[in-house]
Each structure stands twice: as C-alpha cells, then as structure tokens.
Amino acid sequence: MYKKARLLQQNAVDHFQKNNYNTAFYQFNKSKILFETIKDSINIVFNCIQMANIQQINGDYYGSKETLTEALPYSRNDKNYAVAINNFFGIAYKELSLYNDAVYYYNQAIKASKDSISMQSPLNNIAVVYIKQKKYDNAITILEAILNKKNLNENFSLKSKSRVIDNLGFAYFKKGSKEKGLQFLNEGLQLRIQIDDDYGSIGSYLHLAAFYAPTAISKSNEYAKKAYETATQFNSVDERLKALSFLIANGSGTKYGTKYISINDSITSVRNNFKNKFAKIKYDSKKEKDENQKLRLEKAENLVALKEAEKDKVILFSTIIASIIVLVLLGLYLRKRYKHKTRLLEITTAYNTETRIAKDIHDELANDVFHAITFAQTQSLTTENIKETLLQKLNHIYSRVRGISRENSNVDTGSNYSDNLKEMLSTYNTDATNVIITNIEKVGWNDIESEKKVIIHRVLQELMVNMKKHSQAPVVVLKFDITQNTLLINYSDNGKGTEKSKIIKNGLQNMENRIWATKGTITFDTEPDKGFKVKIIMPK
C-alpha cells in the first residue's frame, strides 16, 4: 500500500513539473487516499499542499481553501508544513481581496518559521498586501527592515532581494515619494537583468509602466510592451492582461482591446473548466472509496450469513407466529414508552438549561456584583478615577448579562438562519482560536424543520462553550454536509482533549438529549492531546 501511494505521488510530482495539472491533481488525490488508509500524516499533508498549489495556479482559490482545511488536522506537529499551509491560505485570501485575513495567515506562517530567513517571504507578502490596502508606510517599514538585515546578503537570494527592492520602490511611488521610488524601481530591475531573472522582470516593467503612466505615456507604453512580450514568453496570462490594460488606458485601446478581451475570455473559460475538473476528481475519488468500503462490508456480511445459514436452516411456523405476536405487543409498548421518554427528554432538557443559566449567573455574576457593591461602599465616589473604575466594573457585569441572554435567547429560524448561525460560531474566533466553517451555505436550510434548526443552534452553541472552557484549541473546524434525507455536522478541534471515560457530562448530556429528540445520533471521540471530535447525524 505504501509503495503504491509513493509511486503515485512521484508520478504526480513529475506531471506537476511538466504543467500537466489535471493528471498531477488526480494522482496526488489518489495517493492521499491511500496514505489516509495507512494513516501516514506527513504524506497526506504534502499531497494536500501540492493539490492546493495546483488549484491556486489555475485560479480555484475557494477550492484550495477546502483542500488546505483537509490538511490542518495532520499538520499540527510539523512546523514546516504549518508555514506552507498558512502561506497558501494567505495567498488565497489575498487573491480573493480579503486582505485582513491574508495578513492574519501570513503572520501565522511567520510564527511557525524556524529562523529569520524563512520569515522574509511572508513578510514581503504582507508588505504587498499593505500596498494594496494603501498602507504605504507600513509596507515601507517592513521592506526596509528586510533589506537592513545583517545576514541578508549571505543567506537571502538575489532574486528575493530584487523582489523586495522593487516592492519598496513601488510603495514609495504610491506614497508620493516619486524620486526615491524611481531609484528603487530601477535598482530592482537592473538586479533582475543582472541575474537573468526574466520572469521577475515582468513585475518591474509593470511597476515602471504604472510609474510613468501619469506623466510620460510613451515611456509607460514602452515598459508595458516589454512586460507583455516577456509574459508571453512565459505564458503568464495574468501579467499579459495587466500589461494590455496599461496600453489600453494609455490610449491604445483600438489596437489592444480586442486582444485583451480574447485572452480574458479564454482564461476565464479555462479556469472554470479546471475548477469543475478538480471538484469532480475529488468527488469521484470519494465515491470510489465509499463504494470499495461498502463492497468489503457486503462481502464480510455475506460470509457471516452463509455460516449462519449452515447452522440454522429450519424455522418452525409456530415460532414465526409467536415472533409476530411478540413484535406487535413490543411495538405497542415501545410506542407508548417512546412518547413518555420524549416528554421526559423535553423536561430534562428544559431543567438542564435552567440549571446552566442559574450556574452561569452564580459563577459569572454573583461575585462581580458583590465586589462592585463593596467597592461602591468603601470608596469615595466623588473622585473621578474611582467613578471610572466603578463604571468599568458595572459595564463588565452588563456585558456578562448580555452574553448569558444571547446564549439563551430565541433562535431566528427564518431566511437569516444561516447568517445568524455563522455569526454565532464566529464570535468564538479570537487571537488564540481560529474557527473555520465550511459548506454551511450548501445546506438547504429552508427544507429543515424550525424545531431542528433551534436544536442545531443550541447544540453547536454548547459545543463552542465547551471548547472555550475546556479544550483551549488553536484551530476549530466545523464542516456541514447534506444528503437527500440526512444532515451531517462534523466538529473537530486540536485542543488538549481528554480520556473518553472522563468526558464531563452536563452540557454534553444536554446535547445528547436534544439530538436524540430528533431521532438523530451524536458521537464523541477524544483522547488526551489528540483533540476533540463530534459527529452529528440527524434526519432533515
């Protein structure tokens, strides 16, 4: 199994280097599935990163985020892969113009870096995002700090150095320091020409075309044409479009407009085609894996059935009649018992909810209110800073009251349900915890009963509260999936976990009661230092 997976992986690498992206993606995915079977986490992460890279090369940034999310549970103990995953997340968010998210993930890549040299690339990427956000001073500070590093010339490649110098010149130009900007832009271009970095020179030509566009159109066109010619040699479509846009904006629309439209339409069609192919490859592989597992299970069941048939071939008619009578009586009894049990579950759930609210009030508010009263009684409220301290204490109490109220308020099950659920889950996204939510929009919430929507909201809310209090997880992933008749929710975090025998009930018991009331199932999976997982299956 391992040899087959490694052979597929090596073939995928060869195809990737030859730009055969469809074949490379297919073989990386097949290899990943085999590595999942033998639980080889290192190679699973490697394949996921390569697949995400291929998706980003072909403009499928949303698909790349899903692939990177698959790699997260396997990358917790390997900083090298953590740097790569976070860097690719940053690229995806940058290309989707979600700049704050891009900066966040580039910073995560920096935190996972082993040394100052490996930090330079994500730092440069952050500076590029700051330029797009018009935060030119921030970009200049970062880029100059990179250039001023003592070990830059020894360990930093000339290609990387030229990129930093070019970005610094562009930042100064956009800030308004044209003379200084031009100096760095020319220095970056000359260094790229010196080291034969033809592909990198495309960026320099485009920046110089932008520099001269307001004051010297002919010179701007000269650099735009150089960028277009070089980009054509490397078949770099995005850079060709950027160069053409300068030529069109500079008054050459008649000559270059048709060419721009043709290239743009072509690349849009190609990238959409790649997105569909990547999605189908992953879907077909998952379907094949599920069918193989089903066939193995059916084969095992058939063997068991044959053995049982050899032992017991004759069933007496009287036994059948007796069984039917017993089943009818048992069905009547279970129906009556089910109604009674459902009523008890409703009462138990309501009682547990009231108990939790009372505990929250006692634990979170009682002491704070007592301290506020004592403070007011023992301090002189005529002093301004004393009054300010008291106001802060009261505001803190008010915030806690609002938090308890929000956790137990009515749930809007209308058209805004999906947005409200996502907003509730996102409130647990902090500097210490990254909450990732996938496929929530793909669920047809309008087809799900209102009562079940309320239960889903409450159960997920209790899960997040449990995570906040006990798990201390850096990453939380919530994935939604829907079939014709079933809603599936997978929760996983990489927190500290616990032994299954020591799972604290309370809120978890509440979750079980709620899910059972919908005829669904909920299972918990946890071990010390291996995170916490929950799988919820319920009928629509």
Protein backbone atom coordinates (compact mmCIF):
# COMPACT_ATOMS: atom_id res chain seq x y z
CA MET A 1 0.00 0.00 0.00
CA TYR A 2 2.82 2.43 0.95
CA LYS A 3 4.83 1.68 -2.20
CA LYS A 4 1.79 2.23 -4.43
CA ALA A 5 0.99 5.52 -2.69
CA ARG A 6 4.61 6.73 -3.04
CA LEU A 7 4.72 5.76 -6.74
CA LEU A 8 1.51 7.72 -7.41
CA GLN A 9 2.95 10.67 -5.50
CA GLN A 10 6.20 10.67 -7.50
CA ASN A 11 4.30 10.42 -10.79
CA ALA A 12 2.15 13.35 -9.67
CA VAL A 13 5.26 15.43 -8.94
CA ASP A 14 6.64 14.66 -12.43
CA HIS A 15 3.38 15.70 -14.11
CA PHE A 16 3.20 18.85 -11.99
CA GLN A 17 6.69 19.90 -13.11
CA LYS A 18 5.54 19.41 -16.73
CA ASN A 19 2.41 21.57 -16.11
CA ASN A 20 0.10 18.56 -16.60
CA TYR A 21 -2.17 19.85 -13.83
CA ASN A 22 -5.19 17.56 -14.31
CA THR A 23 -3.13 14.36 -14.19
CA ALA A 24 -0.98 15.67 -11.31
CA PHE A 25 -4.05 16.62 -9.24
CA TYR A 26 -5.71 13.24 -9.90
CA GLN A 27 -2.62 11.26 -8.85
CA PHE A 28 -1.93 13.40 -5.76
CA ASN A 29 -5.54 12.80 -4.68
CA LYS A 30 -5.35 9.01 -5.29
CA SER A 31 -2.06 8.90 -3.36
CA LYS A 32 -3.60 10.91 -0.49
CA ILE A 33 -6.47 8.42 -0.14
CA LEU A 34 -4.01 5.50 0.10
CA PHE A 35 -1.92 7.37 2.70
CA GLU A 36 -5.12 8.01 4.69
CA THR A 37 -5.70 4.25 4.78
CA ILE A 38 -2.30 3.67 6.43
CA LYS A 39 -2.55 6.93 8.47
CA ASP A 40 0.67 8.47 7.08
CA SER A 41 0.01 12.07 8.13
CA ILE A 42 3.23 13.58 6.69
CA ASN A 43 2.48 12.42 3.15
CA ILE A 44 -1.21 13.33 3.48
CA VAL A 45 -0.23 16.94 4.26
CA PHE A 46 2.35 17.03 1.44
CA ASN A 47 -0.24 15.86 -1.11
CA CYS A 48 -2.87 18.33 0.13
CA ILE A 49 -0.41 21.24 -0.17
CA GLN A 50 0.52 20.24 -3.74
CA MET A 51 -3.18 19.93 -4.68
CA ALA A 52 -3.93 23.35 -3.19
CA ASN A 53 -0.97 24.82 -5.10
CA ILE A 54 -2.33 23.40 -8.38
CA GLN A 55 -5.79 24.83 -7.62
CA GLN A 56 -4.32 28.28 -6.94
CA ILE A 57 -2.23 28.20 -10.14
CA ASN A 58 -5.49 27.65 -12.02
CA GLY A 59 -7.50 30.30 -10.13
CA ASP A 60 -9.55 27.96 -7.89
CA TYR A 61 -8.94 29.80 -4.61
CA TYR A 62 -12.10 28.63 -2.84
CA GLY A 63 -11.29 25.02 -3.72
CA SER A 64 -7.72 25.46 -2.47
CA LYS A 65 -9.03 26.65 0.93
CA GLU A 66 -11.07 23.45 1.27
CA THR A 67 -8.05 21.32 0.39
CA LEU A 68 -5.83 23.18 2.88
CA THR A 69 -8.51 22.73 5.57
CA GLU A 70 -8.28 18.94 5.00
CA ALA A 71 -4.56 19.14 5.78
CA LEU A 72 -4.89 21.06 9.07
CA PRO A 73 -5.60 18.09 11.41
CA TYR A 74 -2.47 16.30 10.13
CA SER A 75 -0.04 19.26 10.31
CA ARG A 76 -0.17 20.20 13.99
CA ASN A 77 3.23 18.70 14.88
CA ASP A 78 5.20 19.78 11.78
CA LYS A 79 6.18 23.47 11.62
CA ASN A 80 7.49 23.25 8.05
CA TYR A 81 4.12 22.22 6.75
CA ALA A 82 2.40 24.75 9.04
CA VAL A 83 4.40 27.53 7.33
CA ALA A 84 3.42 26.30 3.86
CA ILE A 85 -0.28 25.84 4.72
CA ASN A 86 -0.60 29.28 6.29
CA ASN A 87 1.29 30.90 3.39
CA PHE A 88 -1.08 29.30 0.86
CA PHE A 89 -4.08 30.37 2.95
CA GLY A 90 -2.67 33.91 2.83
CA ILE A 91 -2.29 33.76 -0.97
CA ALA A 92 -5.87 32.52 -1.40
CA TYR A 93 -7.31 35.30 0.76
CA LYS A 94 -5.13 37.92 -0.98
CA GLU A 95 -6.34 36.85 -4.41
CA LEU A 96 -9.93 36.96 -3.12
CA SER A 97 -9.24 40.56 -1.92
CA LEU A 98 -9.81 39.56 1.74
CA TYR A 99 -6.69 41.41 2.81
CA ASN A 100 -7.09 41.32 6.62
CA ASP A 101 -7.50 37.54 6.51
CA ALA A 102 -4.45 37.30 4.21
CA VAL A 103 -2.30 39.26 6.69
CA TYR A 104 -3.52 37.04 9.54
CA TYR A 105 -2.38 33.85 7.80
CA TYR A 106 0.94 35.34 6.66
CA ASN A 107 1.57 36.23 10.33
CA GLN A 108 0.74 32.63 11.28
CA ALA A 109 3.36 31.49 8.76
CA ILE A 110 5.89 33.84 10.37
CA LYS A 111 5.11 32.42 13.85
CA ALA A 112 5.76 28.90 12.58
CA SER A 113 9.04 29.85 10.84
CA LYS A 114 12.24 28.33 12.22
CA ASP A 115 14.56 31.28 11.53
CA SER A 116 14.63 34.90 10.35
CA ILE A 117 15.45 33.94 6.75
CA SER A 118 12.33 31.81 6.31
CA MET A 119 10.30 34.76 7.62
CA GLN A 120 11.34 37.04 4.75
CA SER A 121 8.92 35.68 2.13
CA PRO A 122 5.72 36.01 4.24
CA LEU A 123 6.94 39.43 5.45
CA ASN A 124 7.32 40.55 1.82
CA ASN A 125 3.84 39.16 1.10
CA ILE A 126 2.40 41.20 3.98
CA ALA A 127 4.05 44.32 2.54
CA VAL A 128 2.41 43.61 -0.85
CA VAL A 129 -0.99 43.37 0.85
CA TYR A 130 -0.35 46.65 2.70
CA ILE A 131 0.39 48.34 -0.65
CA LYS A 132 -2.95 47.07 -1.97
CA GLN A 133 -4.59 48.47 1.19
CA LYS A 134 -2.80 51.81 0.64
CA LYS A 135 -0.92 51.38 3.95
CA TYR A 136 2.29 52.51 2.31
CA ASP A 137 4.18 53.47 5.49
CA ASN A 138 3.55 50.02 6.97
CA ALA A 139 4.79 48.36 3.77
CA ILE A 140 7.92 50.56 3.65
CA THR A 141 8.76 49.77 7.29
CA ILE A 142 8.62 46.01 6.64
CA LEU A 143 10.57 46.09 3.35
CA GLU A 144 13.34 48.34 4.69
CA ALA A 145 13.67 46.12 7.75
CA ILE A 146 14.18 43.10 5.45
CA LEU A 147 16.86 44.92 3.43
CA ASN A 148 18.65 46.10 6.60
CA LYS A 149 19.09 42.57 7.98
CA LYS A 150 22.81 41.88 8.51
CA ASN A 151 22.64 38.33 7.14
CA LEU A 152 20.54 39.27 4.11
CA ASN A 153 23.35 39.18 1.53
CA GLU A 154 24.72 35.90 2.91
CA ASN A 155 21.51 33.88 3.12
CA PHE A 156 18.89 35.73 1.10
CA SER A 157 18.86 35.02 -2.66
CA LEU A 158 19.42 37.88 -5.14
CA LYS A 159 16.09 37.01 -6.74
CA SER A 160 14.29 37.56 -3.43
CA LYS A 161 16.30 40.70 -2.75
CA SER A 162 15.36 42.19 -6.13
CA ARG A 163 11.69 41.50 -5.40
CA VAL A 164 11.91 43.34 -2.06
CA ILE A 165 13.69 46.32 -3.67
CA ASP A 166 11.10 46.52 -6.46
CA ASN A 167 8.18 46.41 -3.98
CA LEU A 168 9.89 49.08 -1.86
CA GLY A 169 10.20 51.37 -4.88
CA PHE A 170 6.55 50.84 -5.78
CA ALA A 171 5.49 51.61 -2.18
CA TYR A 172 7.47 54.89 -2.19
CA PHE A 173 5.96 55.81 -5.57
CA LYS A 174 2.39 55.14 -4.38
CA LYS A 175 3.12 57.14 -1.21
CA GLY A 176 4.14 60.14 -3.34
CA SER A 177 7.95 59.96 -3.00
CA LYS A 178 8.47 59.63 -6.75
CA GLU A 179 12.22 60.28 -6.92
CA LYS A 180 13.03 57.73 -4.23
CA GLY A 181 10.50 55.31 -5.69
CA LEU A 182 12.05 55.51 -9.18
CA GLN A 183 15.52 54.94 -7.72
CA PHE A 184 14.47 51.64 -6.11
CA LEU A 185 12.36 50.55 -9.10
CA ASN A 186 15.35 50.97 -11.44
CA GLU A 187 17.68 49.26 -8.94
CA GLY A 188 15.33 46.28 -8.68
CA LEU A 189 15.04 45.97 -12.48
CA GLN A 190 18.82 46.18 -13.00
CA LEU A 191 19.43 43.47 -10.40
CA ARG A 192 16.88 41.20 -12.12
CA ILE A 193 18.52 41.78 -15.51
CA GLN A 194 21.94 41.10 -13.94
CA ILE A 195 20.88 37.68 -12.57
CA ASP A 196 18.80 36.79 -15.69
CA ASP A 197 15.54 36.75 -13.72
CA ASP A 198 13.41 37.29 -16.82
CA TYR A 199 10.16 36.25 -15.14
CA GLY A 200 10.78 38.59 -12.19
CA SER A 201 11.47 41.47 -14.60
CA ILE A 202 7.79 41.36 -15.64
CA GLY A 203 6.85 42.80 -12.23
CA SER A 204 9.46 45.55 -12.59
CA TYR A 205 8.22 46.50 -16.07
CA LEU A 206 4.61 46.69 -14.84
CA HIS A 207 5.57 48.86 -11.85
CA LEU A 208 7.55 51.21 -14.11
CA ALA A 209 4.63 51.36 -16.56
CA ALA A 210 2.43 52.47 -13.64
CA PHE A 211 5.06 55.00 -12.54
CA TYR A 212 5.27 56.74 -15.93
CA ALA A 213 1.57 56.47 -16.86
CA PRO A 214 0.56 59.86 -15.33
CA THR A 215 3.49 61.88 -16.79
CA ALA A 216 5.13 60.06 -19.73
CA ILE A 217 2.70 57.89 -21.70
CA SER A 218 5.22 56.85 -24.34
CA LYS A 219 7.64 55.58 -21.70
CA SER A 220 4.81 53.86 -19.85
CA ASN A 221 3.83 52.11 -23.09
CA GLU A 222 7.45 51.09 -23.65
CA TYR A 223 7.61 49.25 -20.31
CA ALA A 224 4.10 47.82 -20.75
CA LYS A 225 5.15 46.32 -24.13
CA LYS A 226 8.26 44.80 -22.54
CA ALA A 227 6.10 43.29 -19.79
CA TYR A 228 3.68 41.90 -22.40
CA GLU A 229 6.44 40.38 -24.54
CA THR A 230 8.18 38.74 -21.56
CA ALA A 231 4.90 37.47 -20.10
CA THR A 232 4.04 35.95 -23.50
CA GLN A 233 7.34 34.02 -23.46
CA PHE A 234 6.43 32.52 -20.08
CA ASN A 235 2.74 32.04 -21.00
CA SER A 236 1.86 34.15 -17.93
CA VAL A 237 -1.71 35.16 -18.73
CA ASP A 238 -2.43 37.44 -15.74
CA GLU A 239 0.68 39.54 -16.39
CA ARG A 240 -0.20 39.79 -20.12
CA LEU A 241 -3.63 41.15 -19.17
CA LYS A 242 -2.09 43.70 -16.78
CA ALA A 243 0.29 44.90 -19.49
CA LEU A 244 -2.54 45.20 -22.02
CA SER A 245 -4.64 47.17 -19.52
CA PHE A 246 -1.86 49.80 -19.31
CA LEU A 247 -1.63 50.03 -23.10
CA ILE A 248 -5.42 50.40 -23.37
CA ALA A 249 -5.55 53.00 -20.57
CA ASN A 250 -2.73 54.95 -22.26
CA GLY A 251 -4.84 55.41 -25.40
CA SER A 252 -4.09 52.29 -27.43
CA GLY A 253 -7.48 50.70 -26.90
CA THR A 254 -8.24 50.13 -30.59
CA LYS A 255 -5.07 48.13 -31.12
CA TYR A 256 -5.02 46.09 -27.92
CA GLY A 257 -8.66 45.99 -26.76
CA THR A 258 -9.65 43.00 -28.91
CA LYS A 259 -6.56 41.08 -27.81
CA TYR A 260 -7.38 41.80 -24.12
CA ILE A 261 -10.97 40.56 -24.49
CA SER A 262 -9.85 37.40 -26.32
CA ILE A 263 -7.23 36.49 -23.70
CA ASN A 264 -9.53 37.32 -20.78
CA ASP A 265 -12.43 35.23 -22.14
CA SER A 266 -10.07 32.34 -22.84
CA ILE A 267 -8.50 32.26 -19.37
CA THR A 268 -11.91 32.58 -17.68
CA SER A 269 -13.17 29.56 -19.62
CA VAL A 270 -10.02 27.52 -18.91
CA ARG A 271 -10.04 28.27 -15.17
CA ASN A 272 -13.73 27.46 -14.80
CA ASN A 273 -13.04 24.18 -16.58
CA PHE A 274 -10.17 23.40 -14.17
CA LYS A 275 -12.37 24.19 -11.13
CA ASN A 276 -15.04 21.76 -12.33
CA LYS A 277 -12.47 19.06 -13.09
CA PHE A 278 -10.79 19.36 -9.67
CA ALA A 279 -14.16 19.14 -7.89
CA LYS A 280 -15.16 16.10 -9.98
CA ILE A 281 -11.83 14.34 -9.33
CA LYS A 282 -12.30 14.70 -5.56
CA TYR A 283 -15.98 13.66 -5.78
CA ASP A 284 -15.26 10.57 -7.94
CA SER A 285 -12.39 9.50 -5.64
CA LYS A 286 -14.58 9.81 -2.55
CA LYS A 287 -17.38 7.90 -4.27
CA GLU A 288 -14.96 5.13 -5.32
CA LYS A 289 -13.55 4.92 -1.78
CA ASP A 290 -17.05 4.67 -0.27
CA GLU A 291 -18.11 2.01 -2.78
CA ASN A 292 -14.99 -0.08 -2.08
CA GLN A 293 -15.67 0.08 1.65
CA LYS A 294 -19.29 -0.89 1.01
CA LEU A 295 -18.23 -3.88 -1.14
CA ARG A 296 -15.79 -5.09 1.55
CA LEU A 297 -18.52 -4.81 4.17
CA GLU A 298 -21.06 -6.64 2.00
CA LYS A 299 -18.54 -9.44 1.34
CA ALA A 300 -17.92 -9.87 5.06
CA GLU A 301 -21.66 -9.83 5.77
CA ASN A 302 -22.29 -12.47 3.08
CA LEU A 303 -19.67 -14.78 4.61
CA VAL A 304 -21.27 -14.42 8.02
CA ALA A 305 -24.73 -15.03 6.54
CA LEU A 306 -23.57 -18.24 4.83
CA LYS A 307 -22.14 -19.60 8.07
CA GLU A 308 -25.32 -18.76 9.95
CA ALA A 309 -27.41 -20.42 7.23
CA GLU A 310 -25.46 -23.66 7.65
CA LYS A 311 -26.27 -23.73 11.39
CA ASP A 312 -29.97 -22.90 11.19
CA LYS A 313 -31.95 -23.98 8.11
CA VAL A 314 -35.35 -24.81 9.55
CA ILE A 315 -37.64 -22.25 11.21
CA LEU A 316 -40.87 -23.57 12.67
CA PHE A 317 -44.16 -21.93 11.66
CA SER A 318 -45.21 -21.63 15.31
CA THR A 319 -42.03 -19.70 16.09
CA ILE A 320 -42.85 -17.23 13.30
CA ILE A 321 -46.39 -16.70 14.64
CA ALA A 322 -45.10 -16.29 18.18
CA SER A 323 -42.47 -13.81 17.00
CA ILE A 324 -45.07 -11.74 15.15
CA ILE A 325 -47.30 -11.58 18.25
CA VAL A 326 -44.34 -10.60 20.42
CA LEU A 327 -43.28 -7.95 17.92
CA VAL A 328 -46.77 -6.43 17.76
CA LEU A 329 -47.02 -6.28 21.56
CA LEU A 330 -43.48 -4.94 21.80
CA GLY A 331 -44.25 -2.30 19.17
CA LEU A 332 -47.28 -1.08 21.11
CA TYR A 333 -45.23 -0.97 24.30
CA LEU A 334 -42.31 0.85 22.67
CA ARG A 335 -44.63 3.38 21.07
CA LYS A 336 -46.14 4.22 24.45
CA ARG A 337 -42.70 4.27 26.07
CA TYR A 338 -41.26 6.48 23.30
CA LYS A 339 -43.94 9.12 23.86
CA HIS A 340 -43.24 9.04 27.59
CA LYS A 341 -39.45 9.17 27.04
CA THR A 342 -39.78 12.09 24.60
CA ARG A 343 -41.74 14.02 27.20
CA LEU A 344 -39.09 13.23 29.85
CA LEU A 345 -36.33 14.38 27.47
CA GLU A 346 -38.09 17.69 26.92
CA ILE A 347 -38.48 18.18 30.67
CA THR A 348 -34.84 17.13 31.33
CA THR A 349 -33.51 19.45 28.62
CA ALA A 350 -35.52 22.38 29.99
CA TYR A 351 -34.32 21.62 33.54
CA ASN A 352 -30.67 21.35 32.44
CA THR A 353 -30.97 24.65 30.56
CA GLU A 354 -32.41 26.38 33.63
CA THR A 355 -29.70 24.83 35.81
CA ARG A 356 -26.99 26.04 33.43
CA ILE A 357 -28.41 29.57 33.41
CA ALA A 358 -28.54 29.57 37.19
CA LYS A 359 -24.95 28.29 37.38
CA ASP A 360 -23.80 30.98 34.90
CA ILE A 361 -25.46 33.66 36.97
CA HIS A 362 -23.94 32.30 40.18
CA ASP A 363 -20.45 31.69 38.78
CA GLU A 364 -20.13 34.70 36.49
CA LEU A 365 -22.22 37.43 38.10
CA ALA A 366 -22.67 36.92 41.84
CA ASN A 367 -19.08 37.60 42.84
CA ASP A 368 -18.73 40.51 40.42
CA VAL A 369 -21.90 42.18 41.76
CA PHE A 370 -20.75 41.65 45.37
CA HIS A 371 -17.33 43.18 44.61
CA ALA A 372 -18.95 46.13 42.82
CA ILE A 373 -21.22 46.79 45.82
CA THR A 374 -18.30 46.52 48.25
CA PHE A 375 -16.23 48.85 46.08
CA ALA A 376 -19.03 51.46 45.99
CA GLN A 377 -19.48 51.26 49.77
CA THR A 378 -15.81 51.56 50.64
CA GLN A 379 -14.59 54.12 48.09
CA SER A 380 -15.18 57.82 47.66
CA LEU A 381 -17.29 58.17 44.54
CA THR A 382 -16.52 61.88 44.25
CA THR A 383 -13.06 61.06 42.87
CA GLU A 384 -13.06 60.87 39.08
CA ASN A 385 -10.83 57.80 38.71
CA ILE A 386 -12.86 55.92 41.36
CA LYS A 387 -16.06 56.69 39.47
CA GLU A 388 -14.43 55.50 36.25
CA THR A 389 -13.35 52.21 37.89
CA LEU A 390 -16.88 51.61 39.19
CA LEU A 391 -18.33 52.30 35.72
CA GLN A 392 -15.90 49.77 34.22
CA LYS A 393 -16.99 47.14 36.76
CA LEU A 394 -20.67 47.82 36.00
CA ASN A 395 -20.02 47.71 32.25
CA HIS A 396 -18.24 44.35 32.69
CA ILE A 397 -21.28 42.99 34.59
CA TYR A 398 -23.60 44.33 31.87
CA SER A 399 -21.55 42.59 29.16
CA ARG A 400 -21.76 39.26 31.00
CA VAL A 401 -25.53 39.61 31.43
CA ARG A 402 -25.86 40.27 27.69
CA GLY A 403 -23.72 37.21 26.94
CA ILE A 404 -25.94 34.93 29.06
CA SER A 405 -29.03 36.48 27.48
CA ARG A 406 -27.67 35.97 23.96
CA GLU A 407 -26.83 32.32 24.65
CA ASN A 408 -30.38 31.61 25.80
CA SER A 409 -32.39 33.96 23.57
CA ASN A 410 -34.84 32.81 20.90
CA VAL A 411 -33.36 31.48 17.66
CA ASP A 412 -34.44 33.09 14.37
CA THR A 413 -35.27 30.12 12.10
CA GLY A 414 -36.24 32.25 9.09
CA SER A 415 -34.30 33.24 5.98
CA ASN A 416 -31.46 34.73 8.07
CA TYR A 417 -30.84 31.47 9.97
CA SER A 418 -27.63 30.54 8.12
CA ASP A 419 -26.09 34.01 8.58
CA ASN A 420 -27.08 34.12 12.29
CA LEU A 421 -25.65 30.64 12.90
CA LYS A 422 -22.38 31.57 11.19
CA GLU A 423 -22.22 34.84 13.16
CA MET A 424 -22.76 32.97 16.46
CA LEU A 425 -19.96 30.49 15.65
CA SER A 426 -17.65 33.32 14.53
CA THR A 427 -17.96 35.06 17.93
CA TYR A 428 -15.65 32.34 19.27
CA ASN A 429 -12.95 33.35 16.74
CA THR A 430 -10.18 35.02 18.77
CA ASP A 431 -6.45 35.65 18.54
CA ALA A 432 -5.95 32.32 20.32
CA THR A 433 -8.60 30.30 18.45
CA ASN A 434 -9.20 30.11 14.68
CA VAL A 435 -12.74 28.86 13.87
CA ILE A 436 -13.06 27.51 10.29
CA ILE A 437 -16.59 26.95 8.94
CA THR A 438 -17.09 25.08 5.64
CA ASN A 439 -20.11 24.25 3.46
CA ILE A 440 -22.66 25.96 5.75
CA GLU A 441 -24.10 27.79 2.73
CA LYS A 442 -24.58 24.50 0.80
CA VAL A 443 -27.17 23.23 3.30
CA GLY A 444 -30.75 23.86 2.15
CA TRP A 445 -31.84 25.33 5.48
CA ASN A 446 -35.31 26.18 4.16
CA ASP A 447 -36.01 22.41 3.85
CA ILE A 448 -35.19 21.73 7.53
CA GLU A 449 -37.88 21.97 10.22
CA SER A 450 -37.75 25.02 12.51
CA GLU A 451 -37.56 22.89 15.67
CA LYS A 452 -34.49 21.09 14.31
CA LYS A 453 -32.84 24.41 13.40
CA VAL A 454 -33.26 25.53 17.03
CA ILE A 455 -31.71 22.25 18.27
CA ILE A 456 -28.75 22.59 15.84
CA HIS A 457 -28.14 26.17 17.01
CA ARG A 458 -28.24 25.19 20.71
CA VAL A 459 -26.08 22.09 20.31
CA LEU A 460 -23.37 23.93 18.36
CA GLN A 461 -23.51 26.78 20.87
CA GLU A 462 -22.95 24.33 23.74
CA LEU A 463 -20.09 22.71 21.78
CA MET A 464 -18.36 26.08 21.35
CA VAL A 465 -18.86 26.97 25.04
CA ASN A 466 -17.38 23.57 25.99
CA MET A 467 -14.43 24.24 23.66
CA LYS A 468 -13.83 27.67 25.16
CA LYS A 469 -13.91 26.36 28.75
CA HIS A 470 -12.08 23.06 28.38
CA SER A 471 -10.34 22.43 25.03
CA GLN A 472 -8.13 25.57 24.63
CA ALA A 473 -7.94 24.69 20.91
CA PRO A 474 -5.89 26.81 18.44
CA VAL A 475 -7.96 25.51 15.48
CA VAL A 476 -11.65 24.51 15.36
CA VAL A 477 -13.17 23.11 12.15
CA LEU A 478 -16.94 22.82 11.58
CA LYS A 479 -17.95 21.06 8.36
CA PHE A 480 -21.55 20.75 7.18
CA ASP A 481 -22.77 18.17 4.66
CA ILE A 482 -26.23 17.30 3.35
CA THR A 483 -27.68 14.27 1.57
CA GLN A 484 -31.18 13.65 0.30
CA ASN A 485 -32.57 12.83 3.76
CA THR A 486 -29.76 13.50 6.24
CA LEU A 487 -27.87 16.46 7.71
CA LEU A 488 -24.28 15.71 8.79
CA ILE A 489 -22.21 18.02 11.01
CA ASN A 490 -18.55 17.22 11.84
CA TYR A 491 -16.84 19.19 14.61
CA SER A 492 -13.13 18.81 15.36
CA ASP A 493 -10.55 20.78 17.31
CA ASN A 494 -6.88 20.26 18.09
CA GLY A 495 -7.23 21.11 21.77
CA LYS A 496 -5.94 19.16 24.74
CA GLY A 497 -8.72 16.52 24.63
CA THR A 498 -9.37 14.05 27.45
CA GLU A 499 -9.98 10.35 28.12
CA LYS A 500 -13.35 9.10 26.90
CA SER A 501 -14.14 7.75 30.35
CA LYS A 502 -13.60 11.22 31.83
CA ILE A 503 -15.84 13.20 29.46
CA ILE A 504 -17.71 15.67 31.66
CA LYS A 505 -21.45 15.33 31.09
CA ASN A 506 -23.57 18.45 31.89
CA GLY A 507 -23.62 20.29 28.57
CA LEU A 508 -22.66 17.13 26.65
CA GLN A 509 -25.63 15.27 28.16
CA ASN A 510 -27.82 18.20 27.10
CA MET A 511 -26.54 17.81 23.52
CA GLU A 512 -27.35 14.08 23.52
CA ASN A 513 -30.89 14.72 24.77
CA ARG A 514 -31.52 17.34 22.12
CA ILE A 515 -30.20 15.23 19.22
CA TRP A 516 -31.99 12.06 20.39
CA ALA A 517 -35.25 14.02 20.49
CA THR A 518 -34.90 14.45 16.67
CA LYS A 519 -34.20 10.70 16.18
CA GLY A 520 -30.61 11.64 15.34
CA THR A 521 -27.27 10.44 16.71
CA ILE A 522 -24.29 12.22 18.26
CA THR A 523 -20.91 10.59 18.94
CA PHE A 524 -17.90 11.95 20.79
CA ASP A 525 -14.30 10.97 20.05
CA THR A 526 -11.42 12.25 22.18
CA GLU A 527 -8.07 11.25 23.68
CA PRO A 528 -5.54 13.22 25.72
CA ASP A 529 -3.54 15.60 23.47
CA LYS A 530 -5.42 14.41 20.38
CA GLY A 531 -8.21 16.96 20.26
CA PHE A 532 -11.96 16.59 20.47
CA LYS A 533 -14.28 15.37 17.68
CA VAL A 534 -18.06 15.27 17.47
CA LYS A 535 -20.17 13.73 14.70
CA ILE A 536 -23.86 14.65 14.46
CA ILE A 537 -26.25 12.84 12.10
CA MET A 538 -29.90 13.83 12.02
CA PRO A 539 -32.81 13.46 9.58
CA LYS A 540 -33.81 16.60 7.64
